[in-house]
Amino acid sequence: MNFFQDLKQKLEKGVETAGQKSQRMLEMSRLTLKIKGKKEDIERMANKLGWEVYNAWEPKGKLEETDQIQESLKAIHDLNEQLKSLQKELDELRNANITTRAMAEKVNISPPGPEGPPAALRQADVPSNQTSHPEWIKTVTPVTPVVYICPFCAHQVARDASNCTHCQQRFY
């Protein structure tokens, strides 16, 4: 497998993991919003129930359970059950693990095999006027080629490009 295919596969894995995590966060946000809505509904129903109880008590000074109070109690109970279900679903989602690698994989950019050191370190590439300074040769760091890759399709793009020539996506 060549370098670019290997890099593309690793980028795809990273994008897939990021997509899974963002989908999970989106689902958690949706559930949190639903839970908040249910809590507000319960508060509204409890407030309504309080007024119904007061209105049932006020004429006689005695509390009698009316059909309206029964319906409100049942509605609050149902909302509480829905709330518990949503909270359980949210807890399961929070505790769900996305399989990720413990460490990032290292991409080997030097060509495998007996070709020797990378081209930037070969003494033949050092200018002849610099050969009198052997300490300079030892401190030369390898110049790694910079490859610019489209974040959408992982094809190589030009250094100053803002659009991918393969997928036509715009990036910055």
N, C-alpha and C. Protein backbone atom coordinates (compact mmCIF):
# COMPACT_ATOMS: atom_id res chain seq x y z
N MET A 1 0.85 -1.17 0.00
CA MET A 1 0.00 0.00 0.00
C MET A 1 0.90 1.24 0.00
N ASN A 2 0.61 2.18 -0.87
CA ASN A 2 1.49 3.35 -0.90
C ASN A 2 1.11 4.35 0.18
N PHE A 3 1.93 5.34 0.30
CA PHE A 3 1.80 6.34 1.37
C PHE A 3 0.45 7.04 1.35
N PHE A 4 0.01 7.46 0.18
CA PHE A 4 -1.22 8.24 0.10
C PHE A 4 -2.46 7.40 0.41
N GLN A 5 -2.46 6.15 -0.03
CA GLN A 5 -3.59 5.27 0.30
C GLN A 5 -3.62 5.01 1.80
N ASP A 6 -2.46 4.80 2.38
CA ASP A 6 -2.36 4.58 3.83
C ASP A 6 -2.85 5.81 4.58
N LEU A 7 -2.40 6.97 4.15
CA LEU A 7 -2.81 8.23 4.78
C LEU A 7 -4.31 8.44 4.62
N LYS A 8 -4.82 8.13 3.44
CA LYS A 8 -6.26 8.29 3.19
C LYS A 8 -7.08 7.40 4.12
N GLN A 9 -6.64 6.15 4.28
CA GLN A 9 -7.37 5.23 5.16
C GLN A 9 -7.36 5.73 6.60
N LYS A 10 -6.23 6.23 7.04
CA LYS A 10 -6.14 6.71 8.42
C LYS A 10 -6.97 7.97 8.61
N LEU A 11 -6.99 8.82 7.61
CA LEU A 11 -7.84 10.02 7.69
C LEU A 11 -9.31 9.63 7.70
N GLU A 12 -9.67 8.64 6.89
CA GLU A 12 -11.06 8.19 6.87
C GLU A 12 -11.48 7.64 8.22
N LYS A 13 -10.59 6.88 8.86
CA LYS A 13 -10.90 6.36 10.20
C LYS A 13 -11.10 7.49 11.19
N GLY A 14 -10.24 8.49 11.10
CA GLY A 14 -10.36 9.64 11.99
C GLY A 14 -11.63 10.42 11.75
N VAL A 15 -11.98 10.61 10.49
CA VAL A 15 -13.22 11.32 10.15
C VAL A 15 -14.42 10.52 10.61
N GLU A 16 -14.36 9.21 10.44
CA GLU A 16 -15.47 8.35 10.87
C GLU A 16 -15.67 8.43 12.38
N THR A 17 -14.57 8.38 13.13
CA THR A 17 -14.66 8.48 14.58
C THR A 17 -15.21 9.83 15.00
N ALA A 18 -14.73 10.88 14.35
CA ALA A 18 -15.22 12.23 14.66
C ALA A 18 -16.70 12.34 14.33
N GLY A 19 -17.11 11.73 13.23
CA GLY A 19 -18.53 11.74 12.86
C GLY A 19 -19.39 11.01 13.87
N GLN A 20 -18.89 9.88 14.36
CA GLN A 20 -19.63 9.13 15.37
C GLN A 20 -19.76 9.94 16.65
N LYS A 21 -18.68 10.59 17.04
CA LYS A 21 -18.72 11.38 18.27
C LYS A 21 -19.65 12.57 18.13
N SER A 22 -19.61 13.22 16.97
CA SER A 22 -20.49 14.38 16.80
C SER A 22 -21.95 13.94 16.73
N GLN A 23 -22.22 12.79 16.12
CA GLN A 23 -23.59 12.26 16.08
C GLN A 23 -24.06 11.95 17.50
N ARG A 24 -23.16 11.38 18.29
CA ARG A 24 -23.49 11.06 19.69
C ARG A 24 -23.80 12.34 20.47
N MET A 25 -22.98 13.37 20.28
CA MET A 25 -23.20 14.64 20.98
C MET A 25 -24.52 15.28 20.53
N LEU A 26 -24.82 15.18 19.26
CA LEU A 26 -26.08 15.72 18.74
C LEU A 26 -27.27 15.00 19.37
N GLU A 27 -27.19 13.69 19.46
CA GLU A 27 -28.26 12.91 20.08
C GLU A 27 -28.39 13.24 21.56
N MET A 28 -27.26 13.42 22.24
CA MET A 28 -27.31 13.78 23.66
C MET A 28 -27.94 15.16 23.84
N SER A 29 -27.64 16.09 22.96
CA SER A 29 -28.24 17.43 23.04
C SER A 29 -29.74 17.36 22.81
N ARG A 30 -30.14 16.53 21.84
CA ARG A 30 -31.56 16.38 21.55
C ARG A 30 -32.30 15.82 22.77
N LEU A 31 -31.72 14.79 23.39
CA LEU A 31 -32.34 14.19 24.57
C LEU A 31 -32.37 15.17 25.74
N THR A 32 -31.31 15.93 25.93
CA THR A 32 -31.27 16.91 27.01
C THR A 32 -32.35 17.96 26.82
N LEU A 33 -32.55 18.38 25.58
CA LEU A 33 -33.60 19.36 25.29
C LEU A 33 -34.98 18.78 25.56
N LYS A 34 -35.19 17.51 25.18
CA LYS A 34 -36.48 16.85 25.46
C LYS A 34 -36.72 16.74 26.97
N ILE A 35 -35.67 16.39 27.71
CA ILE A 35 -35.79 16.26 29.16
C ILE A 35 -36.17 17.60 29.77
N LYS A 36 -35.54 18.65 29.31
CA LYS A 36 -35.85 19.99 29.83
C LYS A 36 -37.31 20.34 29.54
N GLY A 37 -37.77 20.01 28.33
CA GLY A 37 -39.17 20.26 27.97
C GLY A 37 -40.14 19.48 28.86
N LYS A 38 -39.81 18.22 29.14
CA LYS A 38 -40.67 17.40 30.01
C LYS A 38 -40.72 17.97 31.41
N LYS A 39 -39.58 18.42 31.92
CA LYS A 39 -39.56 19.00 33.26
C LYS A 39 -40.42 20.26 33.32
N GLU A 40 -40.36 21.07 32.26
CA GLU A 40 -41.19 22.27 32.22
C GLU A 40 -42.67 21.91 32.16
N ASP A 41 -43.01 20.85 31.40
CA ASP A 41 -44.40 20.39 31.33
C ASP A 41 -44.88 19.91 32.69
N ILE A 42 -44.03 19.18 33.40
CA ILE A 42 -44.39 18.69 34.74
C ILE A 42 -44.63 19.87 35.68
N GLU A 43 -43.75 20.87 35.62
CA GLU A 43 -43.93 22.06 36.47
C GLU A 43 -45.25 22.76 36.16
N ARG A 44 -45.57 22.89 34.87
CA ARG A 44 -46.83 23.53 34.48
C ARG A 44 -48.03 22.74 34.98
N MET A 45 -47.95 21.41 34.82
CA MET A 45 -49.06 20.55 35.25
C MET A 45 -49.20 20.58 36.78
N ALA A 46 -48.09 20.60 37.49
CA ALA A 46 -48.14 20.65 38.96
C ALA A 46 -48.75 21.98 39.41
N ASN A 47 -48.40 23.05 38.75
CA ASN A 47 -48.99 24.36 39.06
C ASN A 47 -50.50 24.34 38.80
N LYS A 48 -50.87 23.75 37.67
CA LYS A 48 -52.29 23.64 37.32
C LYS A 48 -53.02 22.78 38.36
N LEU A 49 -52.39 21.68 38.77
CA LEU A 49 -52.98 20.79 39.78
C LEU A 49 -53.18 21.54 41.09
N GLY A 50 -52.21 22.33 41.46
CA GLY A 50 -52.34 23.12 42.70
C GLY A 50 -53.55 24.03 42.66
N TRP A 51 -53.77 24.69 41.54
CA TRP A 51 -54.94 25.57 41.42
C TRP A 51 -56.24 24.76 41.40
N GLU A 52 -56.20 23.58 40.78
CA GLU A 52 -57.40 22.74 40.77
C GLU A 52 -57.75 22.27 42.18
N VAL A 53 -56.73 21.88 42.94
CA VAL A 53 -56.95 21.46 44.33
C VAL A 53 -57.51 22.63 45.14
N TYR A 54 -56.94 23.79 44.97
CA TYR A 54 -57.42 24.97 45.70
C TYR A 54 -58.87 25.29 45.32
N ASN A 55 -59.17 25.25 44.01
CA ASN A 55 -60.53 25.55 43.56
C ASN A 55 -61.53 24.51 44.06
N ALA A 56 -61.09 23.23 44.21
CA ALA A 56 -61.98 22.20 44.72
C ALA A 56 -62.18 22.36 46.23
N TRP A 57 -61.22 22.85 46.93
CA TRP A 57 -61.29 23.03 48.38
C TRP A 57 -62.05 24.28 48.77
N GLU A 58 -61.91 25.36 47.99
CA GLU A 58 -62.41 26.68 48.36
C GLU A 58 -63.91 26.73 48.68
N PRO A 59 -64.81 26.19 47.89
CA PRO A 59 -66.24 26.38 48.19
C PRO A 59 -66.68 25.77 49.52
N LYS A 60 -66.19 24.59 49.86
CA LYS A 60 -66.68 23.90 51.05
C LYS A 60 -65.66 23.91 52.19
N GLY A 61 -64.44 24.30 51.89
CA GLY A 61 -63.40 24.24 52.91
C GLY A 61 -62.96 22.81 53.16
N LYS A 62 -63.33 21.94 52.26
CA LYS A 62 -63.02 20.53 52.38
C LYS A 62 -62.52 20.04 51.01
N LEU A 63 -61.54 19.19 51.01
CA LEU A 63 -60.98 18.72 49.75
C LEU A 63 -61.64 17.43 49.32
N GLU A 64 -62.18 17.47 48.12
CA GLU A 64 -62.74 16.27 47.50
C GLU A 64 -62.02 16.07 46.17
N GLU A 65 -61.70 14.83 45.92
CA GLU A 65 -60.97 14.52 44.69
C GLU A 65 -61.94 14.51 43.52
N THR A 66 -61.72 15.41 42.56
CA THR A 66 -62.60 15.51 41.40
C THR A 66 -61.96 14.77 40.22
N ASP A 67 -62.76 14.61 39.17
CA ASP A 67 -62.24 13.98 37.95
C ASP A 67 -61.09 14.80 37.35
N GLN A 68 -61.21 16.09 37.44
CA GLN A 68 -60.19 16.98 36.90
C GLN A 68 -58.86 16.80 37.65
N ILE A 69 -58.94 16.65 38.96
CA ILE A 69 -57.73 16.43 39.76
C ILE A 69 -57.13 15.07 39.41
N GLN A 70 -58.00 14.06 39.25
CA GLN A 70 -57.52 12.71 38.87
C GLN A 70 -56.79 12.75 37.53
N GLU A 71 -57.36 13.45 36.55
CA GLU A 71 -56.73 13.55 35.23
C GLU A 71 -55.38 14.26 35.31
N SER A 72 -55.32 15.31 36.11
CA SER A 72 -54.05 16.04 36.26
C SER A 72 -53.00 15.16 36.92
N LEU A 73 -53.39 14.40 37.96
CA LEU A 73 -52.45 13.50 38.63
C LEU A 73 -51.93 12.43 37.67
N LYS A 74 -52.86 11.88 36.86
CA LYS A 74 -52.45 10.85 35.89
C LYS A 74 -51.52 11.45 34.84
N ALA A 75 -51.81 12.67 34.37
CA ALA A 75 -50.96 13.32 33.37
C ALA A 75 -49.56 13.58 33.93
N ILE A 76 -49.49 14.02 35.18
CA ILE A 76 -48.18 14.27 35.80
C ILE A 76 -47.41 12.96 35.95
N HIS A 77 -48.12 11.90 36.35
CA HIS A 77 -47.48 10.59 36.49
C HIS A 77 -46.93 10.12 35.14
N ASP A 78 -47.73 10.25 34.09
CA ASP A 78 -47.28 9.84 32.75
C ASP A 78 -46.05 10.65 32.30
N LEU A 79 -46.08 11.95 32.56
CA LEU A 79 -44.94 12.79 32.20
C LEU A 79 -43.69 12.39 32.98
N ASN A 80 -43.87 12.03 34.25
CA ASN A 80 -42.73 11.57 35.06
C ASN A 80 -42.14 10.27 34.50
N GLU A 81 -43.01 9.37 34.05
CA GLU A 81 -42.54 8.11 33.46
C GLU A 81 -41.76 8.39 32.17
N GLN A 82 -42.27 9.30 31.34
CA GLN A 82 -41.57 9.67 30.11
C GLN A 82 -40.22 10.31 30.44
N LEU A 83 -40.19 11.14 31.47
CA LEU A 83 -38.95 11.79 31.89
C LEU A 83 -37.92 10.76 32.34
N LYS A 84 -38.36 9.78 33.12
CA LYS A 84 -37.44 8.73 33.57
C LYS A 84 -36.89 7.94 32.39
N SER A 85 -37.76 7.66 31.42
CA SER A 85 -37.33 6.93 30.23
C SER A 85 -36.29 7.72 29.44
N LEU A 86 -36.52 9.02 29.27
CA LEU A 86 -35.57 9.86 28.54
C LEU A 86 -34.24 9.96 29.30
N GLN A 87 -34.31 10.08 30.62
CA GLN A 87 -33.07 10.16 31.41
C GLN A 87 -32.28 8.86 31.34
N LYS A 88 -32.99 7.73 31.33
CA LYS A 88 -32.32 6.45 31.22
C LYS A 88 -31.64 6.33 29.85
N GLU A 89 -32.33 6.76 28.80
CA GLU A 89 -31.77 6.73 27.45
C GLU A 89 -30.52 7.63 27.36
N LEU A 90 -30.59 8.80 27.98
CA LEU A 90 -29.45 9.72 27.98
C LEU A 90 -28.27 9.12 28.75
N ASP A 91 -28.53 8.49 29.88
CA ASP A 91 -27.46 7.85 30.65
C ASP A 91 -26.80 6.73 29.85
N GLU A 92 -27.61 5.94 29.14
CA GLU A 92 -27.06 4.86 28.32
C GLU A 92 -26.18 5.43 27.21
N LEU A 93 -26.64 6.53 26.62
CA LEU A 93 -25.86 7.16 25.55
C LEU A 93 -24.56 7.75 26.09
N ARG A 94 -24.60 8.33 27.27
CA ARG A 94 -23.38 8.88 27.87
C ARG A 94 -22.39 7.79 28.21
N ASN A 95 -22.88 6.63 28.62
CA ASN A 95 -22.00 5.54 29.02
C ASN A 95 -21.56 4.67 27.86
N ALA A 96 -22.17 4.86 26.69
CA ALA A 96 -21.79 4.07 25.52
C ALA A 96 -20.40 4.49 25.07
N ASN A 97 -19.58 3.52 24.77
CA ASN A 97 -18.22 3.81 24.33
C ASN A 97 -18.13 3.73 22.82
N ILE A 98 -17.42 4.68 22.27
CA ILE A 98 -17.10 4.62 20.86
C ILE A 98 -15.71 4.02 20.77
N THR A 99 -15.56 3.02 19.93
CA THR A 99 -14.26 2.36 19.85
C THR A 99 -13.29 3.29 19.14
N THR A 100 -12.29 3.70 19.87
CA THR A 100 -11.24 4.55 19.31
C THR A 100 -9.90 3.94 19.65
N ARG A 101 -8.92 4.33 18.88
CA ARG A 101 -7.57 3.84 19.15
C ARG A 101 -7.00 4.59 20.33
N ALA A 102 -6.21 3.90 21.12
CA ALA A 102 -5.60 4.53 22.29
C ALA A 102 -4.55 5.55 21.87
N MET A 103 -3.83 5.25 20.81
CA MET A 103 -2.78 6.17 20.34
C MET A 103 -2.97 6.40 18.85
N ALA A 104 -2.51 7.53 18.40
CA ALA A 104 -2.55 7.82 16.97
C ALA A 104 -1.55 6.92 16.26
N GLU A 105 -1.91 6.50 15.08
CA GLU A 105 -0.99 5.67 14.32
C GLU A 105 0.05 6.56 13.67
N LYS A 106 1.27 6.08 13.64
CA LYS A 106 2.35 6.85 13.06
C LYS A 106 2.47 6.48 11.58
N VAL A 107 2.53 7.49 10.74
CA VAL A 107 2.65 7.27 9.31
C VAL A 107 4.12 7.37 8.95
N ASN A 108 4.63 6.33 8.31
CA ASN A 108 6.03 6.31 7.92
C ASN A 108 6.15 6.95 6.55
N ILE A 109 6.86 8.06 6.45
CA ILE A 109 6.97 8.74 5.16
C ILE A 109 8.26 8.42 4.44
N SER A 110 9.20 7.77 5.10
CA SER A 110 10.42 7.41 4.40
C SER A 110 10.17 6.13 3.62
N PRO A 111 10.76 6.02 2.43
CA PRO A 111 10.50 4.84 1.62
C PRO A 111 11.11 3.61 2.27
N PRO A 112 10.36 2.52 2.33
CA PRO A 112 10.90 1.31 2.92
C PRO A 112 11.93 0.66 1.99
N GLY A 113 12.84 -0.04 2.56
CA GLY A 113 13.79 -0.77 1.73
C GLY A 113 15.20 -0.25 1.85
N PRO A 114 16.10 -0.81 1.04
CA PRO A 114 17.52 -0.50 1.16
C PRO A 114 17.95 0.75 0.38
N GLU A 115 17.06 1.66 0.07
CA GLU A 115 17.45 2.84 -0.69
C GLU A 115 18.36 3.75 0.10
N GLY A 116 18.38 3.60 1.40
CA GLY A 116 19.24 4.45 2.22
C GLY A 116 18.43 5.55 2.86
N PRO A 117 19.13 6.56 3.37
CA PRO A 117 18.43 7.65 4.06
C PRO A 117 17.63 8.49 3.08
N PRO A 118 16.71 9.28 3.58
CA PRO A 118 15.95 10.15 2.71
C PRO A 118 16.87 11.08 1.94
N ALA A 119 16.36 11.57 0.83
CA ALA A 119 17.17 12.39 -0.08
C ALA A 119 17.75 13.61 0.62
N ALA A 120 17.07 14.18 1.57
CA ALA A 120 17.55 15.40 2.23
C ALA A 120 18.79 15.15 3.07
N LEU A 121 19.08 13.89 3.40
CA LEU A 121 20.23 13.60 4.25
C LEU A 121 21.43 13.05 3.48
N ARG A 122 21.29 12.80 2.20
CA ARG A 122 22.40 12.25 1.43
C ARG A 122 23.49 13.30 1.27
N GLN A 123 24.72 12.88 1.41
CA GLN A 123 25.83 13.83 1.29
C GLN A 123 25.99 14.31 -0.13
N ALA A 124 25.57 13.55 -1.10
CA ALA A 124 25.69 13.98 -2.49
C ALA A 124 24.85 15.22 -2.76
N ASP A 125 23.80 15.42 -1.97
CA ASP A 125 22.93 16.57 -2.16
C ASP A 125 23.44 17.82 -1.48
N VAL A 126 24.45 17.71 -0.63
CA VAL A 126 25.00 18.86 0.08
C VAL A 126 25.90 19.62 -0.89
N PRO A 127 25.78 20.94 -0.97
CA PRO A 127 26.64 21.71 -1.88
C PRO A 127 28.11 21.48 -1.57
N SER A 128 28.94 21.50 -2.63
CA SER A 128 30.35 21.17 -2.47
C SER A 128 31.10 22.17 -1.60
N ASN A 129 30.68 23.42 -1.55
CA ASN A 129 31.38 24.39 -0.72
C ASN A 129 31.09 24.16 0.76
N GLN A 130 30.14 23.35 1.09
CA GLN A 130 29.82 23.07 2.48
C GLN A 130 30.48 21.79 2.98
N THR A 131 31.17 21.05 2.13
CA THR A 131 31.76 19.79 2.56
C THR A 131 32.90 19.99 3.54
N SER A 132 33.46 21.19 3.62
CA SER A 132 34.53 21.43 4.56
C SER A 132 34.02 21.57 5.99
N HIS A 133 32.72 21.57 6.16
CA HIS A 133 32.12 21.69 7.49
C HIS A 133 31.34 20.41 7.82
N PRO A 134 32.00 19.38 8.28
CA PRO A 134 31.30 18.13 8.57
C PRO A 134 30.27 18.28 9.69
N GLU A 135 30.47 19.21 10.63
CA GLU A 135 29.48 19.39 11.70
C GLU A 135 28.16 19.91 11.14
N TRP A 136 28.24 20.66 10.04
CA TRP A 136 27.02 21.17 9.41
C TRP A 136 26.22 20.03 8.82
N ILE A 137 26.89 19.06 8.27
CA ILE A 137 26.22 17.93 7.65
C ILE A 137 25.47 17.12 8.71
N LYS A 138 26.04 17.00 9.89
CA LYS A 138 25.41 16.22 10.94
C LYS A 138 24.16 16.89 11.48
N THR A 139 24.10 18.21 11.41
CA THR A 139 22.96 18.91 11.98
C THR A 139 21.84 19.16 10.97
N VAL A 140 22.01 18.71 9.75
CA VAL A 140 20.97 18.90 8.75
C VAL A 140 19.77 18.05 9.14
N THR A 141 18.64 18.68 9.23
CA THR A 141 17.41 17.94 9.53
C THR A 141 16.74 17.57 8.22
N PRO A 142 16.10 16.44 8.17
CA PRO A 142 15.46 16.04 6.92
C PRO A 142 14.32 16.99 6.58
N VAL A 143 14.24 17.32 5.32
CA VAL A 143 13.17 18.18 4.84
C VAL A 143 12.06 17.25 4.37
N THR A 144 10.98 17.23 5.10
CA THR A 144 9.87 16.37 4.72
C THR A 144 8.98 17.11 3.76
N PRO A 145 8.55 16.45 2.73
CA PRO A 145 7.66 17.12 1.78
C PRO A 145 6.31 17.38 2.44
N VAL A 146 5.75 18.53 2.16
CA VAL A 146 4.45 18.89 2.69
C VAL A 146 3.41 18.51 1.65
N VAL A 147 2.44 17.76 2.06
CA VAL A 147 1.38 17.33 1.17
C VAL A 147 0.09 17.96 1.65
N TYR A 148 -0.60 18.63 0.77
CA TYR A 148 -1.87 19.26 1.11
C TYR A 148 -2.98 18.34 0.62
N ILE A 149 -3.89 18.03 1.53
CA ILE A 149 -4.94 17.06 1.23
C ILE A 149 -6.30 17.69 1.48
N CYS A 150 -7.23 17.42 0.58
CA CYS A 150 -8.60 17.92 0.72
C CYS A 150 -9.23 17.29 1.96
N PRO A 151 -9.85 18.09 2.83
CA PRO A 151 -10.46 17.53 4.04
C PRO A 151 -11.74 16.75 3.77
N PHE A 152 -12.26 16.84 2.55
CA PHE A 152 -13.52 16.16 2.24
C PHE A 152 -13.31 14.82 1.55
N CYS A 153 -12.37 14.77 0.58
CA CYS A 153 -12.20 13.53 -0.18
C CYS A 153 -10.80 12.93 -0.04
N ALA A 154 -9.90 13.61 0.64
CA ALA A 154 -8.54 13.14 0.92
C ALA A 154 -7.68 13.01 -0.33
N HIS A 155 -8.00 13.74 -1.38
CA HIS A 155 -7.13 13.80 -2.55
C HIS A 155 -6.15 14.95 -2.39
N GLN A 156 -5.00 14.81 -3.03
CA GLN A 156 -3.97 15.84 -2.91
C GLN A 156 -4.41 17.08 -3.69
N VAL A 157 -4.17 18.26 -3.08
CA VAL A 157 -4.52 19.53 -3.71
C VAL A 157 -3.28 20.42 -3.71
N ALA A 158 -3.34 21.47 -4.50
CA ALA A 158 -2.23 22.42 -4.57
C ALA A 158 -2.12 23.20 -3.27
N ARG A 159 -0.94 23.72 -2.99
CA ARG A 159 -0.68 24.42 -1.74
C ARG A 159 -1.59 25.62 -1.54
N ASP A 160 -1.82 26.39 -2.57
CA ASP A 160 -2.61 27.61 -2.44
C ASP A 160 -4.04 27.45 -2.93
N ALA A 161 -4.49 26.22 -3.09
CA ALA A 161 -5.85 25.97 -3.58
C ALA A 161 -6.87 26.22 -2.48
N SER A 162 -8.03 26.69 -2.89
CA SER A 162 -9.13 26.85 -1.93
C SER A 162 -10.31 25.97 -2.32
N ASN A 163 -10.22 25.32 -3.48
CA ASN A 163 -11.22 24.37 -3.94
C ASN A 163 -10.51 23.08 -4.32
N CYS A 164 -11.15 21.96 -4.06
CA CYS A 164 -10.60 20.67 -4.45
C CYS A 164 -10.93 20.43 -5.92
N THR A 165 -9.94 20.02 -6.70
CA THR A 165 -10.19 19.76 -8.12
C THR A 165 -10.92 18.43 -8.32
N HIS A 166 -10.90 17.58 -7.31
CA HIS A 166 -11.56 16.28 -7.44
C HIS A 166 -13.04 16.34 -7.05
N CYS A 167 -13.33 16.85 -5.84
CA CYS A 167 -14.72 16.85 -5.34
C CYS A 167 -15.39 18.22 -5.43
N GLN A 168 -14.65 19.24 -5.84
CA GLN A 168 -15.17 20.61 -6.02
C GLN A 168 -15.63 21.26 -4.72
N GLN A 169 -15.24 20.72 -3.58
CA GLN A 169 -15.61 21.32 -2.30
C GLN A 169 -14.69 22.50 -2.01
N ARG A 170 -15.25 23.53 -1.37
CA ARG A 170 -14.46 24.70 -1.00
C ARG A 170 -13.98 24.54 0.44
N PHE A 171 -12.72 24.85 0.68
CA PHE A 171 -12.15 24.79 2.01
C PHE A 171 -11.21 25.97 2.18
N TYR A 172 -10.73 26.19 3.38
CA TYR A 172 -9.87 27.34 3.66
C TYR A 172 -8.57 26.91 4.24
